[in-house]
């Protein structure tokens, strides 16, 4: 299915997904719309993207980066660059152990590849 053919509005999107459990909804990068693609293709694209772009990081490295971030935050507060509220918000983010989920967007402003899809790298 080519992305151009798969652009749909939210109501028809819900209806389409009810009848097709092998599809996922993927956001586009320029038009803020959505496209439907097969789950198998999306999984393949995510794995390819992670293989190409992801880097394994040790817990020690993460701990070092966290300490550097906290020190930088402290320095900015001492300089008066950040307010107490800004410090609190940033510190909460630094302290979070949440891992961001990978998310690919379909490039809807570029020519598609031979599978009919243009993905962000």
PDB file of N, CA and C in Angstrom:
ATOM      1  N   UNK A   1       0.836  -1.168   0.000  1.00  0.00           N
ATOM      2  CA  UNK A   1       0.000   0.000   0.000  1.00  0.00           C
ATOM      3  C   UNK A   1       0.888   1.241   0.000  1.00  0.00           C
ATOM      4  N   UNK A   2       0.701   2.132  -0.942  1.00  0.00           N
ATOM      5  CA  UNK A   2       1.494   3.344  -1.005  1.00  0.00           C
ATOM      6  C   UNK A   2       0.935   4.369  -0.024  1.00  0.00           C
ATOM      7  N   UNK A   3       1.815   5.183   0.607  1.00  0.00           N
ATOM      8  CA  UNK A   3       1.346   6.160   1.574  1.00  0.00           C
ATOM      9  C   UNK A   3       0.281   7.097   1.033  1.00  0.00           C
ATOM     10  N   UNK A   4       0.407   7.530  -0.221  1.00  0.00           N
ATOM     11  CA  UNK A   4      -0.566   8.459  -0.794  1.00  0.00           C
ATOM     12  C   UNK A   4      -1.976   7.869  -0.728  1.00  0.00           C
ATOM     13  N   UNK A   5      -2.077   6.575  -0.938  1.00  0.00           N
ATOM     14  CA  UNK A   5      -3.372   5.905  -0.936  1.00  0.00           C
ATOM     15  C   UNK A   5      -3.891   5.660   0.471  1.00  0.00           C
ATOM     16  N   UNK A   6      -3.022   5.783   1.475  1.00  0.00           N
ATOM     17  CA  UNK A   6      -3.410   5.379   2.818  1.00  0.00           C
ATOM     18  C   UNK A   6      -3.784   6.542   3.723  1.00  0.00           C
ATOM     19  N   UNK A   7      -3.694   7.789   3.266  1.00  0.00           N
ATOM     20  CA  UNK A   7      -4.064   8.917   4.105  1.00  0.00           C
ATOM     21  C   UNK A   7      -5.570   8.886   4.331  1.00  0.00           C
ATOM     22  N   UNK A   8      -5.964   8.938   5.615  1.00  0.00           N
ATOM     23  CA  UNK A   8      -7.377   8.845   5.956  1.00  0.00           C
ATOM     24  C   UNK A   8      -7.677   9.731   7.151  1.00  0.00           C
ATOM     25  N   UNK A   9      -8.928  10.048   7.360  1.00  0.00           N
ATOM     26  CA  UNK A   9      -9.297  10.859   8.506  1.00  0.00           C
ATOM     27  C   UNK A   9      -9.496   9.961   9.728  1.00  0.00           C
ATOM     28  N   UNK A  10      -9.539  10.535  10.954  1.00  0.00           N
ATOM     29  CA  UNK A  10      -9.602   9.713  12.178  1.00  0.00           C
ATOM     30  C   UNK A  10     -10.797   8.774  12.248  1.00  0.00           C
ATOM     31  N   UNK A  11     -11.957   9.196  11.774  1.00  0.00           N
ATOM     32  CA  UNK A  11     -13.133   8.327  11.845  1.00  0.00           C
ATOM     33  C   UNK A  11     -12.965   7.100  10.967  1.00  0.00           C
ATOM     34  N   UNK A  12     -12.538   7.316   9.730  1.00  0.00           N
ATOM     35  CA  UNK A  12     -12.353   6.163   8.848  1.00  0.00           C
ATOM     36  C   UNK A  12     -11.154   5.335   9.288  1.00  0.00           C
ATOM     37  N   UNK A  13     -10.204   5.985   9.956  1.00  0.00           N
ATOM     38  CA  UNK A  13      -9.053   5.263  10.493  1.00  0.00           C
ATOM     39  C   UNK A  13      -9.508   4.227  11.527  1.00  0.00           C
ATOM     40  N   UNK A  14     -10.360   4.628  12.436  1.00  0.00           N
ATOM     41  CA  UNK A  14     -10.873   3.694  13.446  1.00  0.00           C
ATOM     42  C   UNK A  14     -11.612   2.537  12.780  1.00  0.00           C
ATOM     43  N   UNK A  15     -12.433   2.842  11.814  1.00  0.00           N
ATOM     44  CA  UNK A  15     -13.182   1.799  11.119  1.00  0.00           C
ATOM     45  C   UNK A  15     -12.245   0.839  10.397  1.00  0.00           C
ATOM     46  N   UNK A  16     -11.235   1.381   9.748  1.00  0.00           N
ATOM     47  CA  UNK A  16     -10.300   0.544   8.998  1.00  0.00           C
ATOM     48  C   UNK A  16      -9.532  -0.384   9.938  1.00  0.00           C
ATOM     49  N   UNK A  17      -9.111   0.136  11.081  1.00  0.00           N
ATOM     50  CA  UNK A  17      -8.329  -0.674  12.012  1.00  0.00           C
ATOM     51  C   UNK A  17      -9.164  -1.765  12.677  1.00  0.00           C
ATOM     52  N   UNK A  18     -10.449  -1.523  12.861  1.00  0.00           N
ATOM     53  CA  UNK A  18     -11.321  -2.551  13.444  1.00  0.00           C
ATOM     54  C   UNK A  18     -11.335  -3.816  12.587  1.00  0.00           C
ATOM     55  N   UNK A  19     -11.236  -3.631  11.300  1.00  0.00           N
ATOM     56  CA  UNK A  19     -11.339  -4.751  10.370  1.00  0.00           C
ATOM     57  C   UNK A  19      -9.997  -5.309   9.917  1.00  0.00           C
ATOM     58  N   UNK A  20      -8.896  -4.690  10.351  1.00  0.00           N
ATOM     59  CA  UNK A  20      -7.576  -5.123   9.886  1.00  0.00           C
ATOM     60  C   UNK A  20      -6.590  -5.089  11.047  1.00  0.00           C
ATOM     61  N   UNK A  21      -6.450  -6.198  11.733  1.00  0.00           N
ATOM     62  CA  UNK A  21      -5.540  -6.218  12.888  1.00  0.00           C
ATOM     63  C   UNK A  21      -4.076  -6.348  12.477  1.00  0.00           C
ATOM     64  N   UNK A  22      -3.804  -6.396  11.189  1.00  0.00           N
ATOM     65  CA  UNK A  22      -2.419  -6.475  10.708  1.00  0.00           C
ATOM     66  C   UNK A  22      -1.864  -5.104  10.319  1.00  0.00           C
ATOM     67  N   UNK A  23      -2.611  -4.020  10.608  1.00  0.00           N
ATOM     68  CA  UNK A  23      -2.174  -2.671  10.254  1.00  0.00           C
ATOM     69  C   UNK A  23      -1.812  -1.857  11.492  1.00  0.00           C
ATOM     70  N   UNK A  24      -0.901  -0.915  11.311  1.00  0.00           N
ATOM     71  CA  UNK A  24      -0.584   0.068  12.342  1.00  0.00           C
ATOM     72  C   UNK A  24      -0.696   1.456  11.721  1.00  0.00           C
ATOM     73  N   UNK A  25      -0.884   2.433  12.577  1.00  0.00           N
ATOM     74  CA  UNK A  25      -0.984   3.816  12.133  1.00  0.00           C
ATOM     75  C   UNK A  25       0.353   4.489  12.378  1.00  0.00           C
ATOM     76  N   UNK A  26       0.887   5.131  11.353  1.00  0.00           N
ATOM     77  CA  UNK A  26       2.193   5.781  11.443  1.00  0.00           C
ATOM     78  C   UNK A  26       2.011   7.263  11.130  1.00  0.00           C
ATOM     79  N   UNK A  27       2.509   8.152  12.013  1.00  0.00           N
ATOM     80  CA  UNK A  27       2.401   9.584  11.718  1.00  0.00           C
ATOM     81  C   UNK A  27       3.350   9.995  10.601  1.00  0.00           C
ATOM     82  N   UNK A  28       2.982  11.050   9.908  1.00  0.00           N
ATOM     83  CA  UNK A  28       3.840  11.607   8.872  1.00  0.00           C
ATOM     84  C   UNK A  28       4.587  12.804   9.454  1.00  0.00           C
ATOM     85  N   UNK A  29       5.686  13.181   8.814  1.00  0.00           N
ATOM     86  CA  UNK A  29       6.520  14.227   9.402  1.00  0.00           C
ATOM     87  C   UNK A  29       6.153  15.639   8.960  1.00  0.00           C
ATOM     88  N   UNK A  30       5.636  15.850   7.801  1.00  0.00           N
ATOM     89  CA  UNK A  30       5.392  17.212   7.315  1.00  0.00           C
ATOM     90  C   UNK A  30       3.937  17.644   7.429  1.00  0.00           C
ATOM     91  N   UNK A  31       3.023  16.773   7.086  1.00  0.00           N
ATOM     92  CA  UNK A  31       1.618  17.180   7.036  1.00  0.00           C
ATOM     93  C   UNK A  31       0.849  16.853   8.311  1.00  0.00           C
ATOM     94  N   UNK A  32       1.529  16.255   9.291  1.00  0.00           N
ATOM     95  CA  UNK A  32       0.865  15.875  10.551  1.00  0.00           C
ATOM     96  C   UNK A  32      -0.365  15.014  10.318  1.00  0.00           C
ATOM     97  N   UNK A  33      -0.296  14.163   9.340  1.00  0.00           N
ATOM     98  CA  UNK A  33      -1.386  13.234   9.088  1.00  0.00           C
ATOM     99  C   UNK A  33      -0.906  11.841   9.479  1.00  0.00           C
ATOM    100  N   UNK A  34      -1.676  10.855   9.135  1.00  0.00           N
ATOM    101  CA  UNK A  34      -1.345   9.476   9.469  1.00  0.00           C
ATOM    102  C   UNK A  34      -1.470   8.611   8.234  1.00  0.00           C
ATOM    103  N   UNK A  35      -0.685   7.554   8.213  1.00  0.00           N
ATOM    104  CA  UNK A  35      -0.766   6.558   7.145  1.00  0.00           C
ATOM    105  C   UNK A  35      -0.878   5.196   7.810  1.00  0.00           C
ATOM    106  N   UNK A  36      -1.489   4.275   7.128  1.00  0.00           N
ATOM    107  CA  UNK A  36      -1.543   2.907   7.629  1.00  0.00           C
ATOM    108  C   UNK A  36      -0.534   2.067   6.872  1.00  0.00           C
ATOM    109  N   UNK A  37       0.153   1.201   7.612  1.00  0.00           N
ATOM    110  CA  UNK A  37       1.105   0.264   7.021  1.00  0.00           C
ATOM    111  C   UNK A  37       0.976  -1.067   7.741  1.00  0.00           C
ATOM    112  N   UNK A  38       1.475  -2.097   7.145  1.00  0.00           N
ATOM    113  CA  UNK A  38       1.392  -3.407   7.788  1.00  0.00           C
ATOM    114  C   UNK A  38       2.311  -3.451   9.014  1.00  0.00           C
ATOM    115  N   UNK A  39       1.892  -4.208  10.016  1.00  0.00           N
ATOM    116  CA  UNK A  39       2.708  -4.352  11.222  1.00  0.00           C
ATOM    117  C   UNK A  39       4.072  -4.941  10.890  1.00  0.00           C
ATOM    118  N   UNK A  40       4.091  -5.898   9.990  1.00  0.00           N
ATOM    119  CA  UNK A  40       5.369  -6.540   9.663  1.00  0.00           C
ATOM    120  C   UNK A  40       6.337  -5.545   9.018  1.00  0.00           C
ATOM    121  N   UNK A  41       5.849  -4.704   8.114  1.00  0.00           N
ATOM    122  CA  UNK A  41       6.723  -3.688   7.522  1.00  0.00           C
ATOM    123  C   UNK A  41       7.216  -2.703   8.568  1.00  0.00           C
ATOM    124  N   UNK A  42       6.309  -2.239   9.431  1.00  0.00           N
ATOM    125  CA  UNK A  42       6.706  -1.263  10.451  1.00  0.00           C
ATOM    126  C   UNK A  42       7.766  -1.862  11.383  1.00  0.00           C
ATOM    127  N   UNK A  43       7.566  -3.101  11.814  1.00  0.00           N
ATOM    128  CA  UNK A  43       8.562  -3.760  12.680  1.00  0.00           C
ATOM    129  C   UNK A  43       9.907  -3.885  11.967  1.00  0.00           C
ATOM    130  N   UNK A  44       9.866  -4.233  10.691  1.00  0.00           N
ATOM    131  CA  UNK A  44      11.092  -4.346   9.903  1.00  0.00           C
ATOM    132  C   UNK A  44      11.799  -2.990   9.824  1.00  0.00           C
ATOM    133  N   UNK A  45      11.041  -1.925   9.603  1.00  0.00           N
ATOM    134  CA  UNK A  45      11.628  -0.591   9.511  1.00  0.00           C
ATOM    135  C   UNK A  45      12.218  -0.136  10.845  1.00  0.00           C
ATOM    136  N   UNK A  46      11.511  -0.421  11.956  1.00  0.00           N
ATOM    137  CA  UNK A  46      12.022  -0.046  13.280  1.00  0.00           C
ATOM    138  C   UNK A  46      13.323  -0.793  13.564  1.00  0.00           C
ATOM    139  N   UNK A  47      13.333  -2.085  13.314  1.00  0.00           N
ATOM    140  CA  UNK A  47      14.551  -2.873  13.543  1.00  0.00           C
ATOM    141  C   UNK A  47      15.706  -2.364  12.670  1.00  0.00           C
ATOM    142  N   UNK A  48      15.422  -2.061  11.425  1.00  0.00           N
ATOM    143  CA  UNK A  48      16.459  -1.530  10.533  1.00  0.00           C
ATOM    144  C   UNK A  48      16.984  -0.186  11.022  1.00  0.00           C
ATOM    145  N   UNK A  49      16.086   0.661  11.464  1.00  0.00           N
ATOM    146  CA  UNK A  49      16.477   1.974  11.970  1.00  0.00           C
ATOM    147  C   UNK A  49      17.331   1.836  13.223  1.00  0.00           C
ATOM    148  N   UNK A  50      16.911   0.965  14.139  1.00  0.00           N
ATOM    149  CA  UNK A  50      17.674   0.767  15.375  1.00  0.00           C
ATOM    150  C   UNK A  50      19.041   0.149  15.081  1.00  0.00           C
ATOM    151  N   UNK A  51      19.083  -0.798  14.168  1.00  0.00           N
ATOM    152  CA  UNK A  51      20.353  -1.428  13.806  1.00  0.00           C
ATOM    153  C   UNK A  51      21.312  -0.390  13.238  1.00  0.00           C
ATOM    154  N   UNK A  52      20.781   0.508  12.430  1.00  0.00           N
ATOM    155  CA  UNK A  52      21.607   1.517  11.775  1.00  0.00           C
ATOM    156  C   UNK A  52      21.992   2.660  12.723  1.00  0.00           C
ATOM    157  N   UNK A  53      21.090   3.073  13.624  1.00  0.00           N
ATOM    158  CA  UNK A  53      21.289   4.312  14.365  1.00  0.00           C
ATOM    159  C   UNK A  53      21.439   4.179  15.878  1.00  0.00           C
ATOM    160  N   UNK A  54      20.969   3.094  16.459  1.00  0.00           N
ATOM    161  CA  UNK A  54      21.005   2.973  17.916  1.00  0.00           C
ATOM    162  C   UNK A  54      22.397   2.587  18.403  1.00  0.00           C
ATOM    163  N   UNK A  55      22.705   3.020  19.603  1.00  0.00           N
ATOM    164  CA  UNK A  55      23.985   2.673  20.219  1.00  0.00           C
ATOM    165  C   UNK A  55      23.716   2.118  21.605  1.00  0.00           C
ATOM    166  N   UNK A  56      24.373   1.011  21.917  1.00  0.00           N
ATOM    167  CA  UNK A  56      24.261   0.467  23.262  1.00  0.00           C
ATOM    168  C   UNK A  56      25.093   1.318  24.200  1.00  0.00           C
ATOM    169  N   UNK A  57      24.530   1.570  25.372  1.00  0.00           N
ATOM    170  CA  UNK A  57      25.209   2.395  26.367  1.00  0.00           C
ATOM    171  C   UNK A  57      25.199   1.641  27.687  1.00  0.00           C
ATOM    172  N   UNK A  58      26.346   1.602  28.341  1.00  0.00           N
ATOM    173  CA  UNK A  58      26.439   0.900  29.626  1.00  0.00           C
ATOM    174  C   UNK A  58      25.750   1.711  30.724  1.00  0.00           C
ATOM    175  N   UNK A  59      25.385   1.035  31.795  1.00  0.00           N
ATOM    176  CA  UNK A  59      24.792   1.714  32.953  1.00  0.00           C
ATOM    177  C   UNK A  59      25.770   2.727  33.528  1.00  0.00           C
ATOM    178  N   UNK A  60      27.051   2.393  33.505  1.00  0.00           N
ATOM    179  CA  UNK A  60      28.067   3.315  34.023  1.00  0.00           C
ATOM    180  C   UNK A  60      28.071   4.615  33.231  1.00  0.00           C
ATOM    181  N   UNK A  61      27.993   4.507  31.916  1.00  0.00           N
ATOM    182  CA  UNK A  61      27.973   5.693  31.062  1.00  0.00           C
ATOM    183  C   UNK A  61      26.719   6.520  31.334  1.00  0.00           C
ATOM    184  N   UNK A  62      25.579   5.841  31.499  1.00  0.00           N
ATOM    185  CA  UNK A  62      24.343   6.548  31.812  1.00  0.00           C
ATOM    186  C   UNK A  62      24.456   7.285  33.147  1.00  0.00           C
ATOM    187  N   UNK A  63      25.063   6.637  34.131  1.00  0.00           N
ATOM    188  CA  UNK A  63      25.244   7.273  35.438  1.00  0.00           C
ATOM    189  C   UNK A  63      26.155   8.487  35.316  1.00  0.00           C
ATOM    190  N   UNK A  64      27.214   8.379  34.522  1.00  0.00           N
ATOM    191  CA  UNK A  64      28.119   9.517  34.305  1.00  0.00           C
ATOM    192  C   UNK A  64      27.392  10.689  33.643  1.00  0.00           C
ATOM    193  N   UNK A  65      26.623  10.394  32.632  1.00  0.00           N
ATOM    194  CA  UNK A  65      25.891  11.441  31.923  1.00  0.00           C
ATOM    195  C   UNK A  65      24.870  12.097  32.859  1.00  0.00           C
ATOM    196  N   UNK A  66      24.226  11.290  33.673  1.00  0.00           N
ATOM    197  CA  UNK A  66      23.262  11.830  34.641  1.00  0.00           C
ATOM    198  C   UNK A  66      23.955  12.800  35.591  1.00  0.00           C
ATOM    199  N   UNK A  67      25.101  12.413  36.124  1.00  0.00           N
ATOM    200  CA  UNK A  67      25.835  13.292  37.043  1.00  0.00           C
ATOM    201  C   UNK A  67      26.288  14.571  36.350  1.00  0.00           C
ATOM    202  N   UNK A  68      26.717  14.459  35.107  1.00  0.00           N
ATOM    203  CA  UNK A  68      27.110  15.650  34.342  1.00  0.00           C
ATOM    204  C   UNK A  68      25.912  16.589  34.147  1.00  0.00           C
ATOM    205  N   UNK A  69      24.766  15.999  33.842  1.00  0.00           N
ATOM    206  CA  UNK A  69      23.556  16.800  33.628  1.00  0.00           C
ATOM    207  C   UNK A  69      23.144  17.508  34.917  1.00  0.00           C
ATOM    208  N   UNK A  70      23.205  16.789  36.046  1.00  0.00           N
ATOM    209  CA  UNK A  70      22.851  17.399  37.326  1.00  0.00           C
ATOM    210  C   UNK A  70      23.826  18.520  37.690  1.00  0.00           C
ATOM    211  N   UNK A  71      25.106  18.322  37.391  1.00  0.00           N
ATOM    212  CA  UNK A  71      26.095  19.364  37.673  1.00  0.00           C
ATOM    213  C   UNK A  71      25.853  20.586  36.798  1.00  0.00           C
ATOM    214  N   UNK A  72      25.564  20.366  35.532  1.00  0.00           N
ATOM    215  CA  UNK A  72      25.274  21.468  34.616  1.00  0.00           C
ATOM    216  C   UNK A  72      24.028  22.229  35.079  1.00  0.00           C
ATOM    217  N   UNK A  73      23.028  21.486  35.503  1.00  0.00           N
ATOM    218  CA  UNK A  73      21.804  22.101  36.018  1.00  0.00           C
ATOM    219  C   UNK A  73      22.122  22.963  37.242  1.00  0.00           C
ATOM    220  N   UNK A  74      22.885  22.410  38.162  1.00  0.00           N
ATOM    221  CA  UNK A  74      23.277  23.148  39.369  1.00  0.00           C
ATOM    222  C   UNK A  74      24.013  24.438  39.000  1.00  0.00           C
ATOM    223  N   UNK A  75      24.938  24.339  38.062  1.00  0.00           N
ATOM    224  CA  UNK A  75      25.706  25.512  37.637  1.00  0.00           C
ATOM    225  C   UNK A  75      24.792  26.591  37.047  1.00  0.00           C
ATOM    226  N   UNK A  76      23.823  26.184  36.255  1.00  0.00           N
ATOM    227  CA  UNK A  76      22.911  27.155  35.633  1.00  0.00           C
ATOM    228  C   UNK A  76      22.022  27.824  36.683  1.00  0.00           C
ATOM    229  N   UNK A  77      21.621  27.070  37.699  1.00  0.00           N
ATOM    230  CA  UNK A  77      20.813  27.638  38.780  1.00  0.00           C
ATOM    231  C   UNK A  77      21.648  28.642  39.571  1.00  0.00           C
ATOM    232  N   UNK A  78      22.885  28.267  39.860  1.00  0.00           N
ATOM    233  CA  UNK A  78      23.786  29.169  40.604  1.00  0.00           C
ATOM    234  C   UNK A  78      24.023  30.469  39.851  1.00  0.00           C
ATOM    235  N   UNK A  79      24.061  30.406  38.544  1.00  0.00           N
ATOM    236  CA  UNK A  79      24.269  31.595  37.723  1.00  0.00           C
ATOM    237  C   UNK A  79      22.994  32.432  37.566  1.00  0.00           C
ATOM    238  N   UNK A  80      21.872  31.882  38.023  1.00  0.00           N
ATOM    239  CA  UNK A  80      20.600  32.596  37.899  1.00  0.00           C
ATOM    240  C   UNK A  80      19.961  32.472  36.538  1.00  0.00           C
ATOM    241  N   UNK A  81      20.422  31.522  35.752  1.00  0.00           N
ATOM    242  CA  UNK A  81      19.884  31.325  34.408  1.00  0.00           C
ATOM    243  C   UNK A  81      18.518  30.639  34.453  1.00  0.00           C
ATOM    244  N   UNK A  82      18.318  29.788  35.461  1.00  0.00           N
ATOM    245  CA  UNK A  82      17.074  29.020  35.577  1.00  0.00           C
ATOM    246  C   UNK A  82      16.342  29.377  36.870  1.00  0.00           C
ATOM    247  N   UNK A  83      15.023  29.386  36.791  1.00  0.00           N
ATOM    248  CA  UNK A  83      14.205  29.597  37.984  1.00  0.00           C
ATOM    249  C   UNK A  83      14.099  28.296  38.767  1.00  0.00           C
ATOM    250  N   UNK A  84      13.553  28.371  39.981  1.00  0.00           N
ATOM    251  CA  UNK A  84      13.348  27.168  40.788  1.00  0.00           C
ATOM    252  C   UNK A  84      12.405  26.185  40.089  1.00  0.00           C
ATOM    253  N   UNK A  85      11.362  26.708  39.468  1.00  0.00           N
ATOM    254  CA  UNK A  85      10.411  25.842  38.765  1.00  0.00           C
ATOM    255  C   UNK A  85      11.080  25.155  37.575  1.00  0.00           C
ATOM    256  N   UNK A  86      11.888  25.908  36.838  1.00  0.00           N
ATOM    257  CA  UNK A  86      12.601  25.313  35.711  1.00  0.00           C
ATOM    258  C   UNK A  86      13.576  24.248  36.196  1.00  0.00           C
ATOM    259  N   UNK A  87      14.268  24.546  37.285  1.00  0.00           N
ATOM    260  CA  UNK A  87      15.198  23.563  37.850  1.00  0.00           C
ATOM    261  C   UNK A  87      14.463  22.287  38.238  1.00  0.00           C
ATOM    262  N   UNK A  88      13.331  22.448  38.908  1.00  0.00           N
ATOM    263  CA  UNK A  88      12.554  21.283  39.347  1.00  0.00           C
ATOM    264  C   UNK A  88      12.109  20.433  38.161  1.00  0.00           C
ATOM    265  N   UNK A  89      11.615  21.087  37.122  1.00  0.00           N
ATOM    266  CA  UNK A  89      11.154  20.361  35.937  1.00  0.00           C
ATOM    267  C   UNK A  89      12.304  19.607  35.279  1.00  0.00           C
ATOM    268  N   UNK A  90      13.419  20.277  35.094  1.00  0.00           N
ATOM    269  CA  UNK A  90      14.566  19.649  34.431  1.00  0.00           C
ATOM    270  C   UNK A  90      15.128  18.519  35.284  1.00  0.00           C
ATOM    271  N   UNK A  91      15.207  18.736  36.591  1.00  0.00           N
ATOM    272  CA  UNK A  91      15.731  17.698  37.478  1.00  0.00           C
ATOM    273  C   UNK A  91      14.843  16.458  37.446  1.00  0.00           C
ATOM    274  N   UNK A  92      13.540  16.672  37.414  1.00  0.00           N
ATOM    275  CA  UNK A  92      12.608  15.541  37.332  1.00  0.00           C
ATOM    276  C   UNK A  92      12.854  14.735  36.057  1.00  0.00           C
ATOM    277  N   UNK A  93      13.099  15.425  34.968  1.00  0.00           N
ATOM    278  CA  UNK A  93      13.377  14.752  33.698  1.00  0.00           C
ATOM    279  C   UNK A  93      14.691  13.985  33.762  1.00  0.00           C
ATOM    280  N   UNK A  94      15.720  14.603  34.345  1.00  0.00           N
ATOM    281  CA  UNK A  94      17.027  13.937  34.469  1.00  0.00           C
ATOM    282  C   UNK A  94      16.916  12.695  35.344  1.00  0.00           C
ATOM    283  N   UNK A  95      16.161  12.794  36.421  1.00  0.00           N
ATOM    284  CA  UNK A  95      16.022  11.687  37.370  1.00  0.00           C
ATOM    285  C   UNK A  95      15.127  10.561  36.842  1.00  0.00           C
ATOM    286  N   UNK A  96      14.344  10.847  35.841  1.00  0.00           N
ATOM    287  CA  UNK A  96      13.423   9.850  35.296  1.00  0.00           C
ATOM    288  C   UNK A  96      14.194   8.668  34.727  1.00  0.00           C
ATOM    289  N   UNK A  97      13.648   7.499  34.905  1.00  0.00           N
ATOM    290  CA  UNK A  97      14.261   6.299  34.338  1.00  0.00           C
ATOM    291  C   UNK A  97      13.475   5.823  33.115  1.00  0.00           C
ATOM    292  N   UNK A  98      12.616   6.673  32.628  1.00  0.00           N
ATOM    293  CA  UNK A  98      11.803   6.310  31.467  1.00  0.00           C
ATOM    294  C   UNK A  98      12.694   6.180  30.237  1.00  0.00           C
ATOM    295  N   UNK A  99      12.419   5.172  29.457  1.00  0.00           N
ATOM    296  CA  UNK A  99      13.149   4.946  28.217  1.00  0.00           C
ATOM    297  C   UNK A  99      12.244   5.351  27.061  1.00  0.00           C
ATOM    298  N   UNK A 100      12.689   6.281  26.231  1.00  0.00           N
ATOM    299  CA  UNK A 100      11.839   6.674  25.112  1.00  0.00           C
ATOM    300  C   UNK A 100      11.638   5.520  24.132  1.00  0.00           C
ATOM    301  N   UNK A 101      10.442   5.415  23.610  1.00  0.00           N
ATOM    302  CA  UNK A 101      10.136   4.379  22.626  1.00  0.00           C
ATOM    303  C   UNK A 101      10.549   4.854  21.248  1.00  0.00           C
ATOM    304  N   UNK A 102      11.114   3.947  20.463  1.00  0.00           N
ATOM    305  CA  UNK A 102      11.439   4.358  19.090  1.00  0.00           C
ATOM    306  C   UNK A 102      10.169   4.631  18.310  1.00  0.00           C
ATOM    307  N   UNK A 103      10.213   5.646  17.487  1.00  0.00           N
ATOM    308  CA  UNK A 103       9.051   5.985  16.677  1.00  0.00           C
ATOM    309  C   UNK A 103       9.553   6.466  15.324  1.00  0.00           C
ATOM    310  N   UNK A 104       9.069   5.870  14.286  1.00  0.00           N
ATOM    311  CA  UNK A 104       9.413   6.286  12.939  1.00  0.00           C
ATOM    312  C   UNK A 104       8.272   7.097  12.355  1.00  0.00           C
ATOM    313  N   UNK A 105       8.627   8.074  11.558  1.00  0.00           N
ATOM    314  CA  UNK A 105       7.646   8.871  10.833  1.00  0.00           C
ATOM    315  C   UNK A 105       7.804   8.595   9.349  1.00  0.00           C
ATOM    316  N   UNK A 106       6.706   8.631   8.654  1.00  0.00           N
ATOM    317  CA  UNK A 106       6.762   8.502   7.200  1.00  0.00           C
ATOM    318  C   UNK A 106       6.988   9.891   6.633  1.00  0.00           C
ATOM    319  N   UNK A 107       7.979  10.006   5.756  1.00  0.00           N
ATOM    320  CA  UNK A 107       8.232  11.279   5.075  1.00  0.00           C
ATOM    321  C   UNK A 107       7.219  11.403   3.947  1.00  0.00           C
ATOM    322  N   UNK A 108       6.296  12.300   4.118  1.00  0.00           N
ATOM    323  CA  UNK A 108       5.274  12.439   3.077  1.00  0.00           C
ATOM    324  C   UNK A 108       5.598  13.553   2.098  1.00  0.00           C
ATOM    325  N   UNK A 109       6.815  14.089   2.152  1.00  0.00           N
ATOM    326  CA  UNK A 109       7.213  15.131   1.210  1.00  0.00           C
ATOM    327  C   UNK A 109       8.337  14.667   0.286  1.00  0.00           C
ATOM    328  N   UNK A 110       8.734  13.414   0.399  1.00  0.00           N
ATOM    329  CA  UNK A 110       9.792  12.871  -0.457  1.00  0.00           C
ATOM    330  C   UNK A 110       9.231  11.726  -1.291  1.00  0.00           C
ATOM    331  N   UNK A 111       9.959  11.405  -2.350  1.00  0.00           N
ATOM    332  CA  UNK A 111       9.543  10.282  -3.179  1.00  0.00           C
ATOM    333  C   UNK A 111       9.698   8.980  -2.405  1.00  0.00           C
ATOM    334  N   UNK A 112       8.718   8.098  -2.486  1.00  0.00           N
ATOM    335  CA  UNK A 112       8.805   6.830  -1.773  1.00  0.00           C
ATOM    336  C   UNK A 112       9.862   5.895  -2.363  1.00  0.00           C
ATOM    337  N   UNK A 113      10.294   4.934  -1.529  1.00  0.00           N
ATOM    338  CA  UNK A 113      11.248   3.934  -2.005  1.00  0.00           C
ATOM    339  C   UNK A 113      10.503   2.868  -2.800  1.00  0.00           C
ATOM    340  N   UNK A 114      11.194   1.767  -3.110  1.00  0.00           N
ATOM    341  CA  UNK A 114      10.572   0.730  -3.933  1.00  0.00           C
ATOM    342  C   UNK A 114       9.441  -0.011  -3.215  1.00  0.00           C
ATOM    343  N   UNK A 115       9.316   0.191  -1.877  1.00  0.00           N
ATOM    344  CA  UNK A 115       8.198  -0.403  -1.140  1.00  0.00           C
ATOM    345  C   UNK A 115       7.048   0.590  -1.010  1.00  0.00           C
ATOM    346  N   UNK A 116       7.211   1.783  -1.605  1.00  0.00           N
ATOM    347  CA  UNK A 116       6.154   2.775  -1.545  1.00  0.00           C
ATOM    348  C   UNK A 116       6.202   3.640  -0.301  1.00  0.00           C
ATOM    349  N   UNK A 117       7.309   3.599   0.446  1.00  0.00           N
ATOM    350  CA  UNK A 117       7.393   4.318   1.709  1.00  0.00           C
ATOM    351  C   UNK A 117       8.649   5.189   1.738  1.00  0.00           C
ATOM    352  N   UNK A 118       8.509   6.377   2.322  1.00  0.00           N
ATOM    353  CA  UNK A 118       9.655   7.239   2.600  1.00  0.00           C
ATOM    354  C   UNK A 118       9.691   7.410   4.107  1.00  0.00           C
ATOM    355  N   UNK A 119      10.734   6.909   4.733  1.00  0.00           N
ATOM    356  CA  UNK A 119      10.843   6.963   6.190  1.00  0.00           C
ATOM    357  C   UNK A 119      11.914   7.936   6.611  1.00  0.00           C
ATOM    358  N   UNK A 120      11.764   8.483   7.809  1.00  0.00           N
ATOM    359  CA  UNK A 120      12.825   9.293   8.405  1.00  0.00           C
ATOM    360  C   UNK A 120      13.966   8.408   8.798  1.00  0.00           C
ATOM    361  N   UNK A 121      15.165   8.862   8.636  1.00  0.00           N
ATOM    362  CA  UNK A 121      16.346   8.109   9.085  1.00  0.00           C
ATOM    363  C   UNK A 121      16.636   8.417  10.516  1.00  0.00           C
TER     364      UNK A 121
END
